[in-house]
Amino acid sequence: MKTKRGYTLIELVIAIGVIVILGSSIVSAYINLNNSRSKIYEVQNINNKLQNAMEETVVKINGGEVMGFQNHDVNVKTKQISEDLFEVSVSFGEKYELKKLVKKGIHTD
């Protein structure tokens, strides 16, 4: 009597099911990774804009300008606390904001 070689229909269906489940998990993880990556780039871009606006404002204050700063991407607000001390606030929308105390003539990070 010959023994039959090969797989039964049930074994093939189970194998295909496992492959489909693994494949869909991998695709889902890849999509989540790409979404996370794009959000990270967006936050880094906003942070760079805020840092650049802050540095530009500090340089202007150290150069003698006191008020009236403009930046097209970022909201810049300065508040003079004393003769040589300023509070600088830069914001992007309502979600992101940096604040810094700046003493005229001194530049620190």
N, C-alpha and C. Protein backbone atom coordinates (compact mmCIF):
# COMPACT_ATOMS: atom_id res chain seq x y z
N MET A 1 0.81 -1.16 0.00
CA MET A 1 0.00 0.00 0.00
C MET A 1 0.88 1.26 0.00
N LYS A 2 0.52 2.19 -0.83
CA LYS A 2 1.27 3.44 -0.94
C LYS A 2 0.78 4.44 0.10
N THR A 3 1.76 5.13 0.67
CA THR A 3 1.38 6.20 1.59
C THR A 3 1.22 7.48 0.78
N LYS A 4 0.23 8.24 1.18
CA LYS A 4 -0.03 9.50 0.46
C LYS A 4 0.89 10.59 1.00
N ARG A 5 1.45 11.33 0.09
CA ARG A 5 2.30 12.45 0.46
C ARG A 5 1.55 13.74 0.19
N GLY A 6 1.90 14.76 0.93
CA GLY A 6 1.27 16.06 0.73
C GLY A 6 0.53 16.51 1.97
N TYR A 7 -0.19 17.59 1.81
CA TYR A 7 -0.90 18.20 2.94
C TYR A 7 -2.40 18.05 2.72
N THR A 8 -3.12 18.01 3.79
CA THR A 8 -4.58 17.97 3.69
C THR A 8 -5.08 19.38 3.47
N LEU A 9 -6.32 19.50 3.09
CA LEU A 9 -6.94 20.79 2.84
C LEU A 9 -6.97 21.64 4.12
N ILE A 10 -7.25 21.04 5.22
CA ILE A 10 -7.30 21.76 6.50
C ILE A 10 -5.92 22.32 6.86
N GLU A 11 -4.87 21.56 6.66
CA GLU A 11 -3.52 22.04 6.95
C GLU A 11 -3.16 23.24 6.07
N LEU A 12 -3.54 23.19 4.80
CA LEU A 12 -3.27 24.30 3.89
C LEU A 12 -4.05 25.55 4.30
N VAL A 13 -5.32 25.38 4.67
CA VAL A 13 -6.13 26.53 5.08
C VAL A 13 -5.55 27.17 6.34
N ILE A 14 -5.13 26.36 7.29
CA ILE A 14 -4.53 26.90 8.52
C ILE A 14 -3.22 27.62 8.22
N ALA A 15 -2.40 27.05 7.37
CA ALA A 15 -1.12 27.69 7.01
C ALA A 15 -1.36 29.03 6.32
N ILE A 16 -2.31 29.06 5.39
CA ILE A 16 -2.61 30.32 4.69
C ILE A 16 -3.17 31.34 5.67
N GLY A 17 -4.01 30.91 6.61
CA GLY A 17 -4.56 31.82 7.62
C GLY A 17 -3.47 32.44 8.48
N VAL A 18 -2.52 31.62 8.89
CA VAL A 18 -1.41 32.13 9.70
C VAL A 18 -0.59 33.14 8.91
N ILE A 19 -0.33 32.86 7.65
CA ILE A 19 0.43 33.77 6.79
C ILE A 19 -0.31 35.09 6.62
N VAL A 20 -1.63 35.04 6.42
CA VAL A 20 -2.42 36.26 6.25
C VAL A 20 -2.39 37.09 7.54
N ILE A 21 -2.53 36.45 8.68
CA ILE A 21 -2.51 37.18 9.96
C ILE A 21 -1.15 37.84 10.18
N LEU A 22 -0.08 37.12 9.92
CA LEU A 22 1.26 37.70 10.07
C LEU A 22 1.48 38.86 9.10
N GLY A 23 1.04 38.68 7.87
CA GLY A 23 1.19 39.73 6.86
C GLY A 23 0.43 40.99 7.23
N SER A 24 -0.80 40.83 7.70
CA SER A 24 -1.58 42.01 8.08
C SER A 24 -0.98 42.71 9.30
N SER A 25 -0.40 41.96 10.21
CA SER A 25 0.27 42.56 11.37
C SER A 25 1.48 43.38 10.93
N ILE A 26 2.24 42.85 10.01
CA ILE A 26 3.43 43.55 9.52
C ILE A 26 3.04 44.83 8.78
N VAL A 27 2.01 44.75 7.94
CA VAL A 27 1.56 45.93 7.20
C VAL A 27 1.04 47.00 8.17
N SER A 28 0.29 46.59 9.18
CA SER A 28 -0.23 47.53 10.17
C SER A 28 0.90 48.21 10.93
N ALA A 29 1.90 47.46 11.32
CA ALA A 29 3.05 48.03 12.02
C ALA A 29 3.80 49.02 11.13
N TYR A 30 3.93 48.71 9.86
CA TYR A 30 4.62 49.60 8.92
C TYR A 30 3.86 50.91 8.76
N ILE A 31 2.54 50.83 8.65
CA ILE A 31 1.72 52.04 8.51
C ILE A 31 1.84 52.90 9.77
N ASN A 32 1.78 52.28 10.94
CA ASN A 32 1.93 53.03 12.20
C ASN A 32 3.30 53.68 12.30
N LEU A 33 4.33 52.99 11.85
CA LEU A 33 5.68 53.54 11.87
C LEU A 33 5.77 54.78 10.98
N ASN A 34 5.20 54.71 9.79
CA ASN A 34 5.24 55.86 8.88
C ASN A 34 4.46 57.04 9.45
N ASN A 35 3.30 56.78 10.06
CA ASN A 35 2.53 57.86 10.67
C ASN A 35 3.30 58.51 11.81
N SER A 36 3.94 57.70 12.64
CA SER A 36 4.73 58.23 13.75
C SER A 36 5.91 59.04 13.23
N ARG A 37 6.54 58.55 12.20
CA ARG A 37 7.70 59.24 11.62
C ARG A 37 7.30 60.62 11.09
N SER A 38 6.15 60.71 10.42
CA SER A 38 5.72 62.00 9.88
C SER A 38 5.37 62.97 11.00
N LYS A 39 4.78 62.47 12.10
CA LYS A 39 4.49 63.34 13.24
C LYS A 39 5.77 63.83 13.89
N ILE A 40 6.76 62.97 13.99
CA ILE A 40 8.05 63.37 14.56
C ILE A 40 8.69 64.47 13.72
N TYR A 41 8.67 64.32 12.40
CA TYR A 41 9.24 65.35 11.52
C TYR A 41 8.50 66.66 11.67
N GLU A 42 7.18 66.60 11.83
CA GLU A 42 6.38 67.81 11.99
C GLU A 42 6.76 68.53 13.29
N VAL A 43 6.88 67.80 14.38
CA VAL A 43 7.24 68.40 15.66
C VAL A 43 8.66 68.96 15.62
N GLN A 44 9.58 68.25 14.97
CA GLN A 44 10.96 68.75 14.84
C GLN A 44 10.99 70.04 14.03
N ASN A 45 10.18 70.12 12.99
CA ASN A 45 10.12 71.32 12.16
C ASN A 45 9.60 72.50 12.97
N ILE A 46 8.54 72.28 13.74
CA ILE A 46 7.99 73.34 14.58
C ILE A 46 9.01 73.76 15.64
N ASN A 47 9.68 72.81 16.25
CA ASN A 47 10.71 73.12 17.25
C ASN A 47 11.83 73.95 16.64
N ASN A 48 12.25 73.62 15.43
CA ASN A 48 13.29 74.39 14.76
C ASN A 48 12.84 75.83 14.51
N LYS A 49 11.58 76.00 14.10
CA LYS A 49 11.05 77.35 13.88
C LYS A 49 11.04 78.14 15.18
N LEU A 50 10.60 77.50 16.26
CA LEU A 50 10.57 78.19 17.55
C LEU A 50 11.97 78.56 18.02
N GLN A 51 12.93 77.64 17.89
CA GLN A 51 14.31 77.91 18.30
C GLN A 51 14.91 79.05 17.48
N ASN A 52 14.67 79.04 16.16
CA ASN A 52 15.20 80.09 15.29
C ASN A 52 14.61 81.45 15.65
N ALA A 53 13.29 81.50 15.90
CA ALA A 53 12.66 82.76 16.27
C ALA A 53 13.18 83.25 17.61
N MET A 54 13.38 82.33 18.54
CA MET A 54 13.91 82.71 19.86
C MET A 54 15.31 83.29 19.73
N GLU A 55 16.16 82.63 18.99
CA GLU A 55 17.54 83.10 18.81
C GLU A 55 17.57 84.45 18.09
N GLU A 56 16.74 84.60 17.08
CA GLU A 56 16.67 85.87 16.35
C GLU A 56 16.23 87.00 17.28
N THR A 57 15.26 86.73 18.12
CA THR A 57 14.77 87.74 19.06
C THR A 57 15.84 88.10 20.09
N VAL A 58 16.55 87.10 20.60
CA VAL A 58 17.62 87.35 21.58
C VAL A 58 18.72 88.21 20.95
N VAL A 59 19.08 87.91 19.72
CA VAL A 59 20.11 88.69 19.02
C VAL A 59 19.65 90.13 18.84
N LYS A 60 18.38 90.32 18.49
CA LYS A 60 17.86 91.68 18.32
C LYS A 60 17.84 92.44 19.64
N ILE A 61 17.45 91.76 20.72
CA ILE A 61 17.46 92.42 22.03
C ILE A 61 18.88 92.82 22.41
N ASN A 62 19.83 91.93 22.20
CA ASN A 62 21.23 92.24 22.51
C ASN A 62 21.78 93.32 21.61
N GLY A 63 21.18 93.49 20.42
CA GLY A 63 21.60 94.53 19.50
C GLY A 63 20.97 95.88 19.78
N GLY A 64 20.04 95.94 20.74
CA GLY A 64 19.46 97.22 21.10
C GLY A 64 17.99 97.36 20.76
N GLU A 65 17.45 96.49 19.93
CA GLU A 65 16.02 96.56 19.63
C GLU A 65 15.26 96.01 20.83
N VAL A 66 14.13 96.65 21.13
CA VAL A 66 13.39 96.23 22.31
C VAL A 66 12.06 95.58 21.95
N MET A 67 11.31 96.15 21.06
CA MET A 67 9.98 95.61 20.75
C MET A 67 9.77 95.60 19.23
N GLY A 68 8.66 95.03 18.82
CA GLY A 68 8.26 95.08 17.43
C GLY A 68 8.88 94.00 16.57
N PHE A 69 9.05 92.82 17.10
CA PHE A 69 9.63 91.72 16.33
C PHE A 69 8.54 91.03 15.53
N GLN A 70 8.89 90.63 14.33
CA GLN A 70 7.93 89.90 13.49
C GLN A 70 8.59 88.66 12.94
N ASN A 71 7.81 87.60 12.91
CA ASN A 71 8.23 86.36 12.29
C ASN A 71 6.98 85.78 11.65
N HIS A 72 7.06 85.40 10.39
CA HIS A 72 5.86 85.01 9.66
C HIS A 72 5.28 83.67 10.12
N ASP A 73 6.11 82.77 10.59
CA ASP A 73 5.63 81.45 10.99
C ASP A 73 5.29 81.35 12.47
N VAL A 74 5.91 82.18 13.28
CA VAL A 74 5.85 82.03 14.73
C VAL A 74 5.38 83.34 15.36
N ASN A 75 4.58 83.24 16.41
CA ASN A 75 4.17 84.42 17.17
C ASN A 75 5.26 84.74 18.19
N VAL A 76 5.76 85.97 18.13
CA VAL A 76 6.83 86.40 19.04
C VAL A 76 6.29 87.51 19.93
N LYS A 77 6.43 87.32 21.24
CA LYS A 77 6.00 88.35 22.20
C LYS A 77 7.17 88.63 23.14
N THR A 78 7.40 89.91 23.38
CA THR A 78 8.43 90.29 24.35
C THR A 78 7.79 91.16 25.42
N LYS A 79 8.24 91.00 26.62
CA LYS A 79 7.75 91.79 27.75
C LYS A 79 8.97 92.29 28.50
N GLN A 80 9.08 93.61 28.60
CA GLN A 80 10.22 94.19 29.31
C GLN A 80 9.92 94.17 30.81
N ILE A 81 10.74 93.44 31.54
CA ILE A 81 10.55 93.29 32.98
C ILE A 81 11.29 94.39 33.74
N SER A 82 12.49 94.67 33.31
CA SER A 82 13.26 95.78 33.88
C SER A 82 14.03 96.43 32.74
N GLU A 83 14.95 97.32 33.09
CA GLU A 83 15.68 98.05 32.05
C GLU A 83 16.45 97.11 31.12
N ASP A 84 17.01 96.05 31.68
CA ASP A 84 17.82 95.16 30.86
C ASP A 84 17.36 93.70 30.89
N LEU A 85 16.15 93.45 31.40
CA LEU A 85 15.64 92.08 31.48
C LEU A 85 14.33 91.97 30.71
N PHE A 86 14.26 90.97 29.84
CA PHE A 86 13.09 90.77 28.99
C PHE A 86 12.60 89.33 29.11
N GLU A 87 11.29 89.16 28.99
CA GLU A 87 10.71 87.83 28.86
C GLU A 87 10.31 87.66 27.40
N VAL A 88 10.85 86.64 26.77
CA VAL A 88 10.57 86.38 25.36
C VAL A 88 9.73 85.12 25.28
N SER A 89 8.64 85.20 24.53
CA SER A 89 7.76 84.05 24.34
C SER A 89 7.53 83.87 22.85
N VAL A 90 7.85 82.69 22.35
CA VAL A 90 7.57 82.36 20.95
C VAL A 90 6.63 81.17 20.93
N SER A 91 5.61 81.26 20.08
CA SER A 91 4.62 80.17 20.04
C SER A 91 4.23 79.87 18.61
N PHE A 92 3.81 78.64 18.42
CA PHE A 92 3.33 78.18 17.12
C PHE A 92 1.95 77.58 17.39
N GLY A 93 0.91 78.31 17.01
CA GLY A 93 -0.44 77.85 17.32
C GLY A 93 -0.67 77.90 18.83
N GLU A 94 -1.57 77.07 19.30
CA GLU A 94 -1.86 77.04 20.73
C GLU A 94 -1.12 75.93 21.45
N LYS A 95 -0.51 75.04 20.69
CA LYS A 95 0.04 73.82 21.26
C LYS A 95 1.51 73.94 21.67
N TYR A 96 2.28 74.73 20.95
CA TYR A 96 3.73 74.77 21.16
C TYR A 96 4.16 76.17 21.57
N GLU A 97 4.98 76.25 22.63
CA GLU A 97 5.44 77.55 23.11
C GLU A 97 6.78 77.40 23.82
N LEU A 98 7.65 78.37 23.60
CA LEU A 98 8.93 78.46 24.32
C LEU A 98 8.97 79.82 25.02
N LYS A 99 9.46 79.83 26.25
CA LYS A 99 9.64 81.08 26.98
C LYS A 99 11.07 81.13 27.49
N LYS A 100 11.59 82.35 27.55
CA LYS A 100 12.96 82.52 28.00
C LYS A 100 13.12 83.91 28.60
N LEU A 101 13.87 84.00 29.68
CA LEU A 101 14.26 85.30 30.23
C LEU A 101 15.60 85.69 29.61
N VAL A 102 15.65 86.91 29.10
CA VAL A 102 16.85 87.37 28.41
C VAL A 102 17.34 88.64 29.09
N LYS A 103 18.60 88.61 29.51
CA LYS A 103 19.23 89.81 30.06
C LYS A 103 20.03 90.45 28.94
N LYS A 104 19.75 91.69 28.68
CA LYS A 104 20.40 92.40 27.58
C LYS A 104 21.91 92.37 27.75
N GLY A 105 22.59 91.96 26.70
CA GLY A 105 24.04 91.90 26.72
C GLY A 105 24.59 90.54 27.11
N ILE A 106 23.72 89.66 27.62
CA ILE A 106 24.15 88.31 28.02
C ILE A 106 23.36 87.31 27.20
N HIS A 107 24.06 86.41 26.57
CA HIS A 107 23.39 85.38 25.76
C HIS A 107 23.71 84.01 26.34
N THR A 108 22.68 83.35 26.86
CA THR A 108 22.85 81.99 27.39
C THR A 108 21.81 81.08 26.78
N ASP A 109 22.09 79.80 26.77
CA ASP A 109 21.12 78.83 26.24
C ASP A 109 20.29 78.25 27.34
